[in-house]
Amino acid sequence: MMNLFLGHVSQTFEKFFIVMQVDGAAWHGSHKLIIPSNIRLIEQPPYSPEVNPAEHLWDELREKYLHNRAFPSLDALIEVLCQGLNALADDPESLRSLTGFPHIVNVKL
């Protein structure tokens, strides 16, 4: 599945070089893993969710879009989640402030 995911991301963002931080899950380091040429995987230090950009994105979404809310359906939840993700995508400065860690920004290509 990781190979399918990396292939999809690589094709979707073929004009970009992607630095993707991964945790210590076995499939992130499998010998059968095929890493496309426009993707670089960097390992997250063990037991350090605070340096995982995705955790900061989820915190932002929970605080601004999902806090103290109950949704009548999964579709309603997905709609609000997409609104939050689109708002982050439309605000590169905020996105950078949440995810622009030095260990990612300074990755050698």
PDB file of N, CA and C in Angstrom:
ATOM      1  N   MET A   1       0.821  -1.191   0.000  1.00  0.00           N
ATOM      2  CA  MET A   1       0.000   0.000   0.000  1.00  0.00           C
ATOM      3  C   MET A   1       0.870   1.262   0.000  1.00  0.00           C
ATOM      4  N   MET A   2       2.000   1.203   0.700  1.00  0.00           N
ATOM      5  CA  MET A   2       2.877   2.381   0.731  1.00  0.00           C
ATOM      6  C   MET A   2       3.408   2.672  -0.665  1.00  0.00           C
ATOM      7  N   ASN A   3       3.733   1.636  -1.431  1.00  0.00           N
ATOM      8  CA  ASN A   3       4.184   1.854  -2.807  1.00  0.00           C
ATOM      9  C   ASN A   3       3.091   2.504  -3.648  1.00  0.00           C
ATOM     10  N   LEU A   4       1.852   2.061  -3.474  1.00  0.00           N
ATOM     11  CA  LEU A   4       0.732   2.675  -4.199  1.00  0.00           C
ATOM     12  C   LEU A   4       0.570   4.136  -3.790  1.00  0.00           C
ATOM     13  N   PHE A   5       0.663   4.404  -2.490  1.00  0.00           N
ATOM     14  CA  PHE A   5       0.533   5.768  -1.993  1.00  0.00           C
ATOM     15  C   PHE A   5       1.636   6.661  -2.560  1.00  0.00           C
ATOM     16  N   LEU A   6       2.889   6.214  -2.471  1.00  0.00           N
ATOM     17  CA  LEU A   6       3.998   7.018  -2.984  1.00  0.00           C
ATOM     18  C   LEU A   6       3.865   7.252  -4.484  1.00  0.00           C
ATOM     19  N   GLY A   7       3.439   6.238  -5.223  1.00  0.00           N
ATOM     20  CA  GLY A   7       3.230   6.393  -6.661  1.00  0.00           C
ATOM     21  C   GLY A   7       2.165   7.425  -6.968  1.00  0.00           C
ATOM     22  N   HIS A   8       1.080   7.386  -6.208  1.00  0.00           N
ATOM     23  CA  HIS A   8      -0.012   8.349  -6.408  1.00  0.00           C
ATOM     24  C   HIS A   8       0.448   9.771  -6.100  1.00  0.00           C
ATOM     25  N   VAL A   9       1.120   9.943  -4.969  1.00  0.00           N
ATOM     26  CA  VAL A   9       1.611  11.276  -4.589  1.00  0.00           C
ATOM     27  C   VAL A   9       2.609  11.773  -5.625  1.00  0.00           C
ATOM     28  N   SER A  10       3.501  10.900  -6.063  1.00  0.00           N
ATOM     29  CA  SER A  10       4.512  11.273  -7.057  1.00  0.00           C
ATOM     30  C   SER A  10       3.872  11.757  -8.356  1.00  0.00           C
ATOM     31  N   GLN A  11       2.867  11.044  -8.823  1.00  0.00           N
ATOM     32  CA  GLN A  11       2.196  11.431 -10.069  1.00  0.00           C
ATOM     33  C   GLN A  11       1.353  12.698  -9.882  1.00  0.00           C
ATOM     34  N   THR A  12       0.653  12.791  -8.762  1.00  0.00           N
ATOM     35  CA  THR A  12      -0.197  13.952  -8.505  1.00  0.00           C
ATOM     36  C   THR A  12       0.616  15.240  -8.433  1.00  0.00           C
ATOM     37  N   PHE A  13       1.800  15.136  -7.866  1.00  0.00           N
ATOM     38  CA  PHE A  13       2.666  16.313  -7.690  1.00  0.00           C
ATOM     39  C   PHE A  13       3.958  16.154  -8.483  1.00  0.00           C
ATOM     40  N   GLU A  14       3.830  15.679  -9.706  1.00  0.00           N
ATOM     41  CA  GLU A  14       5.002  15.353 -10.517  1.00  0.00           C
ATOM     42  C   GLU A  14       5.913  16.543 -10.792  1.00  0.00           C
ATOM     43  N   LYS A  15       5.414  17.754 -10.706  1.00  0.00           N
ATOM     44  CA  LYS A  15       6.241  18.938 -10.973  1.00  0.00           C
ATOM     45  C   LYS A  15       6.987  19.410  -9.730  1.00  0.00           C
ATOM     46  N   PHE A  16       6.818  18.717  -8.615  1.00  0.00           N
ATOM     47  CA  PHE A  16       7.412  19.132  -7.347  1.00  0.00           C
ATOM     48  C   PHE A  16       8.352  18.059  -6.826  1.00  0.00           C
ATOM     49  N   PHE A  17       9.324  18.483  -6.018  1.00  0.00           N
ATOM     50  CA  PHE A  17      10.136  17.551  -5.246  1.00  0.00           C
ATOM     51  C   PHE A  17       9.544  17.517  -3.849  1.00  0.00           C
ATOM     52  N   ILE A  18       9.212  16.346  -3.356  1.00  0.00           N
ATOM     53  CA  ILE A  18       8.472  16.193  -2.117  1.00  0.00           C
ATOM     54  C   ILE A  18       9.364  15.585  -1.037  1.00  0.00           C
ATOM     55  N   VAL A  19       9.426  16.258   0.100  1.00  0.00           N
ATOM     56  CA  VAL A  19      10.092  15.709   1.272  1.00  0.00           C
ATOM     57  C   VAL A  19       8.989  15.226   2.200  1.00  0.00           C
ATOM     58  N   MET A  20       8.988  13.929   2.467  1.00  0.00           N
ATOM     59  CA  MET A  20       7.930  13.323   3.269  1.00  0.00           C
ATOM     60  C   MET A  20       8.548  12.716   4.525  1.00  0.00           C
ATOM     61  N   GLN A  21       8.091  13.171   5.673  1.00  0.00           N
ATOM     62  CA  GLN A  21       8.588  12.635   6.935  1.00  0.00           C
ATOM     63  C   GLN A  21       7.779  11.407   7.291  1.00  0.00           C
ATOM     64  N   VAL A  22       8.465  10.341   7.663  1.00  0.00           N
ATOM     65  CA  VAL A  22       7.800   9.091   8.024  1.00  0.00           C
ATOM     66  C   VAL A  22       8.247   8.654   9.414  1.00  0.00           C
ATOM     67  N   ASP A  23       7.378   7.903  10.075  1.00  0.00           N
ATOM     68  CA  ASP A  23       7.738   7.396  11.398  1.00  0.00           C
ATOM     69  C   ASP A  23       8.430   6.038  11.246  1.00  0.00           C
ATOM     70  N   GLY A  24       8.568   5.326  12.313  1.00  0.00           N
ATOM     71  CA  GLY A  24       9.323   4.075  12.288  1.00  0.00           C
ATOM     72  C   GLY A  24       8.525   2.848  11.890  1.00  0.00           C
ATOM     73  N   ALA A  25       7.366   3.021  11.283  1.00  0.00           N
ATOM     74  CA  ALA A  25       6.572   1.862  10.859  1.00  0.00           C
ATOM     75  C   ALA A  25       7.373   1.003   9.883  1.00  0.00           C
ATOM     76  N   ALA A  26       7.243  -0.296  10.012  1.00  0.00           N
ATOM     77  CA  ALA A  26       8.032  -1.235   9.207  1.00  0.00           C
ATOM     78  C   ALA A  26       7.885  -0.994   7.705  1.00  0.00           C
ATOM     79  N   TRP A  27       6.681  -0.655   7.253  1.00  0.00           N
ATOM     80  CA  TRP A  27       6.469  -0.478   5.819  1.00  0.00           C
ATOM     81  C   TRP A  27       7.134   0.775   5.277  1.00  0.00           C
ATOM     82  N   HIS A  28       7.548   1.707   6.140  1.00  0.00           N
ATOM     83  CA  HIS A  28       8.251   2.904   5.670  1.00  0.00           C
ATOM     84  C   HIS A  28       9.706   2.607   5.339  1.00  0.00           C
ATOM     85  N   GLY A  29      10.204   1.463   5.795  1.00  0.00           N
ATOM     86  CA  GLY A  29      11.601   1.112   5.533  1.00  0.00           C
ATOM     87  C   GLY A  29      11.762  -0.249   4.890  1.00  0.00           C
ATOM     88  N   SER A  30      10.687  -0.782   4.339  1.00  0.00           N
ATOM     89  CA  SER A  30      10.729  -2.098   3.709  1.00  0.00           C
ATOM     90  C   SER A  30      11.713  -2.124   2.557  1.00  0.00           C
ATOM     91  N   HIS A  31      12.387  -3.254   2.396  1.00  0.00           N
ATOM     92  CA  HIS A  31      13.307  -3.422   1.265  1.00  0.00           C
ATOM     93  C   HIS A  31      12.562  -3.452  -0.060  1.00  0.00           C
ATOM     94  N   LYS A  32      11.261  -3.695  -0.016  1.00  0.00           N
ATOM     95  CA  LYS A  32      10.447  -3.719  -1.227  1.00  0.00           C
ATOM     96  C   LYS A  32       9.848  -2.351  -1.562  1.00  0.00           C
ATOM     97  N   LEU A  33      10.150  -1.367  -0.736  1.00  0.00           N
ATOM     98  CA  LEU A  33       9.600  -0.027  -0.949  1.00  0.00           C
ATOM     99  C   LEU A  33      10.257   0.629  -2.164  1.00  0.00           C
ATOM    100  N   ILE A  34       9.435   1.143  -3.046  1.00  0.00           N
ATOM    101  CA  ILE A  34       9.919   1.841  -4.242  1.00  0.00           C
ATOM    102  C   ILE A  34       9.646   3.330  -4.037  1.00  0.00           C
ATOM    103  N   ILE A  35      10.735   4.100  -3.906  1.00  0.00           N
ATOM    104  CA  ILE A  35      10.604   5.534  -3.661  1.00  0.00           C
ATOM    105  C   ILE A  35      10.815   6.277  -4.978  1.00  0.00           C
ATOM    106  N   PRO A  36       9.786   6.956  -5.473  1.00  0.00           N
ATOM    107  CA  PRO A  36       9.910   7.694  -6.740  1.00  0.00           C
ATOM    108  C   PRO A  36      11.020   8.745  -6.668  1.00  0.00           C
ATOM    109  N   SER A  37      11.543   9.118  -7.817  1.00  0.00           N
ATOM    110  CA  SER A  37      12.682  10.037  -7.873  1.00  0.00           C
ATOM    111  C   SER A  37      12.345  11.446  -7.384  1.00  0.00           C
ATOM    112  N   ASN A  38      11.074  11.813  -7.373  1.00  0.00           N
ATOM    113  CA  ASN A  38      10.709  13.155  -6.908  1.00  0.00           C
ATOM    114  C   ASN A  38      10.249  13.169  -5.445  1.00  0.00           C
ATOM    115  N   ILE A  39      10.546  12.091  -4.718  1.00  0.00           N
ATOM    116  CA  ILE A  39      10.191  12.018  -3.301  1.00  0.00           C
ATOM    117  C   ILE A  39      11.421  11.628  -2.491  1.00  0.00           C
ATOM    118  N   ARG A  40      11.616  12.316  -1.369  1.00  0.00           N
ATOM    119  CA  ARG A  40      12.665  11.956  -0.419  1.00  0.00           C
ATOM    120  C   ARG A  40      11.990  11.690   0.914  1.00  0.00           C
ATOM    121  N   LEU A  41      12.237  10.507   1.480  1.00  0.00           N
ATOM    122  CA  LEU A  41      11.699  10.169   2.780  1.00  0.00           C
ATOM    123  C   LEU A  41      12.749  10.484   3.843  1.00  0.00           C
ATOM    124  N   ILE A  42      12.318  11.145   4.912  1.00  0.00           N
ATOM    125  CA  ILE A  42      13.208  11.355   6.049  1.00  0.00           C
ATOM    126  C   ILE A  42      12.533  10.750   7.276  1.00  0.00           C
ATOM    127  N   GLU A  43      13.330  10.106   8.114  1.00  0.00           N
ATOM    128  CA  GLU A  43      12.782   9.445   9.290  1.00  0.00           C
ATOM    129  C   GLU A  43      12.600  10.409  10.444  1.00  0.00           C
ATOM    130  N   GLN A  44      11.478  10.277  11.076  1.00  0.00           N
ATOM    131  CA  GLN A  44      11.183  11.039  12.282  1.00  0.00           C
ATOM    132  C   GLN A  44      11.885  10.331  13.439  1.00  0.00           C
ATOM    133  N   PRO A  45      12.506  11.077  14.343  1.00  0.00           N
ATOM    134  CA  PRO A  45      13.109  10.427  15.507  1.00  0.00           C
ATOM    135  C   PRO A  45      12.049   9.669  16.308  1.00  0.00           C
ATOM    136  N   PRO A  46      12.432   8.548  16.907  1.00  0.00           N
ATOM    137  CA  PRO A  46      11.457   7.775  17.693  1.00  0.00           C
ATOM    138  C   PRO A  46      10.887   8.584  18.851  1.00  0.00           C
ATOM    139  N   TYR A  47       9.635   8.315  19.168  1.00  0.00           N
ATOM    140  CA  TYR A  47       8.946   8.913  20.313  1.00  0.00           C
ATOM    141  C   TYR A  47       8.993  10.444  20.290  1.00  0.00           C
ATOM    142  N   SER A  48       8.759  11.016  19.120  1.00  0.00           N
ATOM    143  CA  SER A  48       8.818  12.479  19.019  1.00  0.00           C
ATOM    144  C   SER A  48       7.708  13.024  18.122  1.00  0.00           C
ATOM    145  N   PRO A  49       6.448  12.830  18.520  1.00  0.00           N
ATOM    146  CA  PRO A  49       5.353  13.324  17.681  1.00  0.00           C
ATOM    147  C   PRO A  49       5.366  14.840  17.514  1.00  0.00           C
ATOM    148  N   GLU A  50       6.053  15.554  18.419  1.00  0.00           N
ATOM    149  CA  GLU A  50       6.078  17.013  18.327  1.00  0.00           C
ATOM    150  C   GLU A  50       6.815  17.516  17.093  1.00  0.00           C
ATOM    151  N   VAL A  51       7.643  16.686  16.462  1.00  0.00           N
ATOM    152  CA  VAL A  51       8.339  17.111  15.237  1.00  0.00           C
ATOM    153  C   VAL A  51       7.652  16.582  13.982  1.00  0.00           C
ATOM    154  N   ASN A  52       6.491  15.998  14.151  1.00  0.00           N
ATOM    155  CA  ASN A  52       5.728  15.488  13.010  1.00  0.00           C
ATOM    156  C   ASN A  52       4.772  16.583  12.544  1.00  0.00           C
ATOM    157  N   PRO A  53       4.996  17.124  11.346  1.00  0.00           N
ATOM    158  CA  PRO A  53       4.130  18.204  10.857  1.00  0.00           C
ATOM    159  C   PRO A  53       2.651  17.842  10.840  1.00  0.00           C
ATOM    160  N   ALA A  54       2.339  16.593  10.567  1.00  0.00           N
ATOM    161  CA  ALA A  54       0.930  16.186  10.508  1.00  0.00           C
ATOM    162  C   ALA A  54       0.240  16.378  11.852  1.00  0.00           C
ATOM    163  N   GLU A  55       0.961  16.164  12.950  1.00  0.00           N
ATOM    164  CA  GLU A  55       0.371  16.360  14.273  1.00  0.00           C
ATOM    165  C   GLU A  55      -0.039  17.811  14.479  1.00  0.00           C
ATOM    166  N   HIS A  56       0.760  18.746  13.983  1.00  0.00           N
ATOM    167  CA  HIS A  56       0.439  20.172  14.124  1.00  0.00           C
ATOM    168  C   HIS A  56      -0.763  20.553  13.244  1.00  0.00           C
ATOM    169  N   LEU A  57      -0.854  19.930  12.081  1.00  0.00           N
ATOM    170  CA  LEU A  57      -2.024  20.176  11.218  1.00  0.00           C
ATOM    171  C   LEU A  57      -3.292  19.674  11.898  1.00  0.00           C
ATOM    172  N   TRP A  58      -3.232  18.467  12.470  1.00  0.00           N
ATOM    173  CA  TRP A  58      -4.404  17.919  13.143  1.00  0.00           C
ATOM    174  C   TRP A  58      -4.798  18.783  14.332  1.00  0.00           C
ATOM    175  N   ASP A  59      -3.796  19.266  15.092  1.00  0.00           N
ATOM    176  CA  ASP A  59      -4.108  20.151  16.224  1.00  0.00           C
ATOM    177  C   ASP A  59      -4.848  21.399  15.743  1.00  0.00           C
ATOM    178  N   GLU A  60      -4.370  21.981  14.657  1.00  0.00           N
ATOM    179  CA  GLU A  60      -4.999  23.186  14.086  1.00  0.00           C
ATOM    180  C   GLU A  60      -6.439  22.899  13.655  1.00  0.00           C
ATOM    181  N   LEU A  61      -6.636  21.780  12.976  1.00  0.00           N
ATOM    182  CA  LEU A  61      -7.979  21.418  12.511  1.00  0.00           C
ATOM    183  C   LEU A  61      -8.913  21.130  13.684  1.00  0.00           C
ATOM    184  N   ARG A  62      -8.410  20.403  14.677  1.00  0.00           N
ATOM    185  CA  ARG A  62      -9.246  20.104  15.848  1.00  0.00           C
ATOM    186  C   ARG A  62      -9.646  21.386  16.572  1.00  0.00           C
ATOM    187  N   GLU A  63      -8.678  22.289  16.723  1.00  0.00           N
ATOM    188  CA  GLU A  63      -8.950  23.521  17.476  1.00  0.00           C
ATOM    189  C   GLU A  63      -9.904  24.454  16.752  1.00  0.00           C
ATOM    190  N   LYS A  64      -9.745  24.602  15.439  1.00  0.00           N
ATOM    191  CA  LYS A  64     -10.522  25.608  14.706  1.00  0.00           C
ATOM    192  C   LYS A  64     -11.777  25.072  14.018  1.00  0.00           C
ATOM    193  N   TYR A  65     -11.826  23.781  13.751  1.00  0.00           N
ATOM    194  CA  TYR A  65     -12.954  23.262  12.967  1.00  0.00           C
ATOM    195  C   TYR A  65     -13.726  22.132  13.654  1.00  0.00           C
ATOM    196  N   LEU A  66     -13.090  21.403  14.552  1.00  0.00           N
ATOM    197  CA  LEU A  66     -13.732  20.217  15.101  1.00  0.00           C
ATOM    198  C   LEU A  66     -13.972  20.300  16.608  1.00  0.00           C
ATOM    199  N   HIS A  67     -13.515  21.353  17.248  1.00  0.00           N
ATOM    200  CA  HIS A  67     -13.574  21.482  18.697  1.00  0.00           C
ATOM    201  C   HIS A  67     -15.014  21.491  19.215  1.00  0.00           C
ATOM    202  N   ASN A  68     -15.289  20.598  20.150  1.00  0.00           N
ATOM    203  CA  ASN A  68     -16.595  20.516  20.823  1.00  0.00           C
ATOM    204  C   ASN A  68     -17.771  20.434  19.849  1.00  0.00           C
ATOM    205  N   ARG A  69     -17.598  19.656  18.806  1.00  0.00           N
ATOM    206  CA  ARG A  69     -18.692  19.512  17.838  1.00  0.00           C
ATOM    207  C   ARG A  69     -19.041  18.050  17.670  1.00  0.00           C
ATOM    208  N   ALA A  70     -20.304  17.790  17.491  1.00  0.00           N
ATOM    209  CA  ALA A  70     -20.789  16.463  17.138  1.00  0.00           C
ATOM    210  C   ALA A  70     -21.387  16.587  15.739  1.00  0.00           C
ATOM    211  N   PHE A  71     -21.070  15.652  14.886  1.00  0.00           N
ATOM    212  CA  PHE A  71     -21.535  15.711  13.507  1.00  0.00           C
ATOM    213  C   PHE A  71     -22.628  14.679  13.282  1.00  0.00           C
ATOM    214  N   PRO A  72     -23.665  15.064  12.537  1.00  0.00           N
ATOM    215  CA  PRO A  72     -24.791  14.151  12.326  1.00  0.00           C
ATOM    216  C   PRO A  72     -24.447  12.975  11.405  1.00  0.00           C
ATOM    217  N   SER A  73     -23.340  13.105  10.655  1.00  0.00           N
ATOM    218  CA  SER A  73     -22.981  12.030   9.737  1.00  0.00           C
ATOM    219  C   SER A  73     -21.499  12.125   9.399  1.00  0.00           C
ATOM    220  N   LEU A  74     -20.978  11.067   8.844  1.00  0.00           N
ATOM    221  CA  LEU A  74     -19.592  11.065   8.389  1.00  0.00           C
ATOM    222  C   LEU A  74     -19.403  12.079   7.263  1.00  0.00           C
ATOM    223  N   ASP A  75     -20.388  12.205   6.408  1.00  0.00           N
ATOM    224  CA  ASP A  75     -20.306  13.182   5.316  1.00  0.00           C
ATOM    225  C   ASP A  75     -20.188  14.611   5.841  1.00  0.00           C
ATOM    226  N   ALA A  76     -20.901  14.910   6.911  1.00  0.00           N
ATOM    227  CA  ALA A  76     -20.822  16.249   7.502  1.00  0.00           C
ATOM    228  C   ALA A  76     -19.433  16.498   8.083  1.00  0.00           C
ATOM    229  N   LEU A  77     -18.875  15.499   8.736  1.00  0.00           N
ATOM    230  CA  LEU A  77     -17.523  15.613   9.272  1.00  0.00           C
ATOM    231  C   LEU A  77     -16.509  15.821   8.150  1.00  0.00           C
ATOM    232  N   ILE A  78     -16.629  15.049   7.089  1.00  0.00           N
ATOM    233  CA  ILE A  78     -15.716  15.166   5.949  1.00  0.00           C
ATOM    234  C   ILE A  78     -15.817  16.554   5.328  1.00  0.00           C
ATOM    235  N   GLU A  79     -17.011  17.094   5.233  1.00  0.00           N
ATOM    236  CA  GLU A  79     -17.209  18.433   4.666  1.00  0.00           C
ATOM    237  C   GLU A  79     -16.461  19.492   5.476  1.00  0.00           C
ATOM    238  N   VAL A  80     -16.586  19.438   6.790  1.00  0.00           N
ATOM    239  CA  VAL A  80     -15.919  20.417   7.647  1.00  0.00           C
ATOM    240  C   VAL A  80     -14.411  20.202   7.609  1.00  0.00           C
ATOM    241  N   LEU A  81     -13.984  18.966   7.606  1.00  0.00           N
ATOM    242  CA  LEU A  81     -12.559  18.670   7.519  1.00  0.00           C
ATOM    243  C   LEU A  81     -11.966  19.201   6.215  1.00  0.00           C
ATOM    244  N   CYS A  82     -12.663  19.021   5.119  1.00  0.00           N
ATOM    245  CA  CYS A  82     -12.204  19.546   3.823  1.00  0.00           C
ATOM    246  C   CYS A  82     -12.156  21.075   3.822  1.00  0.00           C
ATOM    247  N   GLN A  83     -13.125  21.715   4.468  1.00  0.00           N
ATOM    248  CA  GLN A  83     -13.094  23.178   4.582  1.00  0.00           C
ATOM    249  C   GLN A  83     -11.832  23.629   5.308  1.00  0.00           C
ATOM    250  N   GLY A  84     -11.501  22.949   6.395  1.00  0.00           N
ATOM    251  CA  GLY A  84     -10.303  23.285   7.153  1.00  0.00           C
ATOM    252  C   GLY A  84      -9.034  23.051   6.358  1.00  0.00           C
ATOM    253  N   LEU A  85      -8.946  21.923   5.667  1.00  0.00           N
ATOM    254  CA  LEU A  85      -7.766  21.622   4.852  1.00  0.00           C
ATOM    255  C   LEU A  85      -7.621  22.620   3.709  1.00  0.00           C
ATOM    256  N   ASN A  86      -8.734  22.982   3.087  1.00  0.00           N
ATOM    257  CA  ASN A  86      -8.680  23.970   1.998  1.00  0.00           C
ATOM    258  C   ASN A  86      -8.258  25.340   2.520  1.00  0.00           C
ATOM    259  N   ALA A  87      -8.730  25.710   3.704  1.00  0.00           N
ATOM    260  CA  ALA A  87      -8.327  26.994   4.291  1.00  0.00           C
ATOM    261  C   ALA A  87      -6.821  27.005   4.561  1.00  0.00           C
ATOM    262  N   LEU A  88      -6.280  25.890   5.046  1.00  0.00           N
ATOM    263  CA  LEU A  88      -4.835  25.804   5.262  1.00  0.00           C
ATOM    264  C   LEU A  88      -4.078  25.866   3.937  1.00  0.00           C
ATOM    265  N   ALA A  89      -4.584  25.188   2.938  1.00  0.00           N
ATOM    266  CA  ALA A  89      -3.929  25.192   1.620  1.00  0.00           C
ATOM    267  C   ALA A  89      -3.931  26.588   1.004  1.00  0.00           C
ATOM    268  N   ASP A  90      -4.944  27.379   1.307  1.00  0.00           N
ATOM    269  CA  ASP A  90      -5.053  28.739   0.772  1.00  0.00           C
ATOM    270  C   ASP A  90      -4.238  29.763   1.565  1.00  0.00           C
ATOM    271  N   ASP A  91      -3.606  29.323   2.648  1.00  0.00           N
ATOM    272  CA  ASP A  91      -2.831  30.230   3.493  1.00  0.00           C
ATOM    273  C   ASP A  91      -1.420  29.663   3.689  1.00  0.00           C
ATOM    274  N   PRO A  92      -0.563  29.799   2.655  1.00  0.00           N
ATOM    275  CA  PRO A  92       0.769  29.198   2.716  1.00  0.00           C
ATOM    276  C   PRO A  92       1.604  29.643   3.921  1.00  0.00           C
ATOM    277  N   GLU A  93       1.421  30.884   4.350  1.00  0.00           N
ATOM    278  CA  GLU A  93       2.205  31.374   5.492  1.00  0.00           C
ATOM    279  C   GLU A  93       1.848  30.616   6.773  1.00  0.00           C
ATOM    280  N   SER A  94       0.562  30.435   7.020  1.00  0.00           N
ATOM    281  CA  SER A  94       0.140  29.664   8.199  1.00  0.00           C
ATOM    282  C   SER A  94       0.580  28.210   8.084  1.00  0.00           C
ATOM    283  N   LEU A  95       0.429  27.651   6.920  1.00  0.00           N
ATOM    284  CA  LEU A  95       0.836  26.267   6.690  1.00  0.00           C
ATOM    285  C   LEU A  95       2.331  26.108   6.951  1.00  0.00           C
ATOM    286  N   ARG A  96       3.116  27.033   6.460  1.00  0.00           N
ATOM    287  CA  ARG A  96       4.567  27.004   6.660  1.00  0.00           C
ATOM    288  C   ARG A  96       4.910  27.122   8.144  1.00  0.00           C
ATOM    289  N   SER A  97       4.169  27.977   8.865  1.00  0.00           N
ATOM    290  CA  SER A  97       4.455  28.153  10.287  1.00  0.00           C
ATOM    291  C   SER A  97       4.143  26.879  11.083  1.00  0.00           C
ATOM    292  N   LEU A  98       3.204  26.087  10.613  1.00  0.00           N
ATOM    293  CA  LEU A  98       2.846  24.844  11.295  1.00  0.00           C
ATOM    294  C   LEU A  98       3.757  23.684  10.930  1.00  0.00           C
ATOM    295  N   THR A  99       4.329  23.714   9.732  1.00  0.00           N
ATOM    296  CA  THR A  99       5.048  22.537   9.226  1.00  0.00           C
ATOM    297  C   THR A  99       6.497  22.795   8.827  1.00  0.00           C
ATOM    298  N   GLY A 100       6.947  24.034   8.832  1.00  0.00           N
ATOM    299  CA  GLY A 100       8.279  24.362   8.328  1.00  0.00           C
ATOM    300  C   GLY A 100       9.392  24.145   9.325  1.00  0.00           C
ATOM    301  N   PHE A 101       9.549  22.945   9.823  1.00  0.00           N
ATOM    302  CA  PHE A 101      10.590  22.630  10.792  1.00  0.00           C
ATOM    303  C   PHE A 101      11.965  22.657  10.128  1.00  0.00           C
ATOM    304  N   PRO A 102      12.994  23.101  10.840  1.00  0.00           N
ATOM    305  CA  PRO A 102      14.346  23.170  10.264  1.00  0.00           C
ATOM    306  C   PRO A 102      14.831  21.828   9.716  1.00  0.00           C
ATOM    307  N   HIS A 103      14.487  20.715  10.370  1.00  0.00           N
ATOM    308  CA  HIS A 103      14.968  19.425   9.890  1.00  0.00           C
ATOM    309  C   HIS A 103      14.314  19.023   8.567  1.00  0.00           C
ATOM    310  N   ILE A 104      13.220  19.664   8.207  1.00  0.00           N
ATOM    311  CA  ILE A 104      12.582  19.408   6.916  1.00  0.00           C
ATOM    312  C   ILE A 104      13.029  20.445   5.892  1.00  0.00           C
ATOM    313  N   VAL A 105      13.033  21.693   6.296  1.00  0.00           N
ATOM    314  CA  VAL A 105      13.399  22.798   5.392  1.00  0.00           C
ATOM    315  C   VAL A 105      14.825  22.637   4.887  1.00  0.00           C
ATOM    316  N   ASN A 106      15.707  22.107   5.710  1.00  0.00           N
ATOM    317  CA  ASN A 106      17.120  21.997   5.357  1.00  0.00           C
ATOM    318  C   ASN A 106      17.528  20.642   4.798  1.00  0.00           C
ATOM    319  N   VAL A 107      16.586  19.867   4.304  1.00  0.00           N
ATOM    320  CA  VAL A 107      16.899  18.557   3.723  1.00  0.00           C
ATOM    321  C   VAL A 107      17.713  18.764   2.450  1.00  0.00           C
ATOM    322  N   LYS A 108      18.798  18.011   2.334  1.00  0.00           N
ATOM    323  CA  LYS A 108      19.622  18.101   1.135  1.00  0.00           C
ATOM    324  C   LYS A 108      18.990  17.283   0.016  1.00  0.00           C
ATOM    325  N   LEU A 109      18.857  17.909  -1.123  1.00  0.00           N
ATOM    326  CA  LEU A 109      18.281  17.233  -2.275  1.00  0.00           C
ATOM    327  C   LEU A 109      19.358  16.391  -2.900  1.00  0.00           C
TER     328      LEU A 109
END
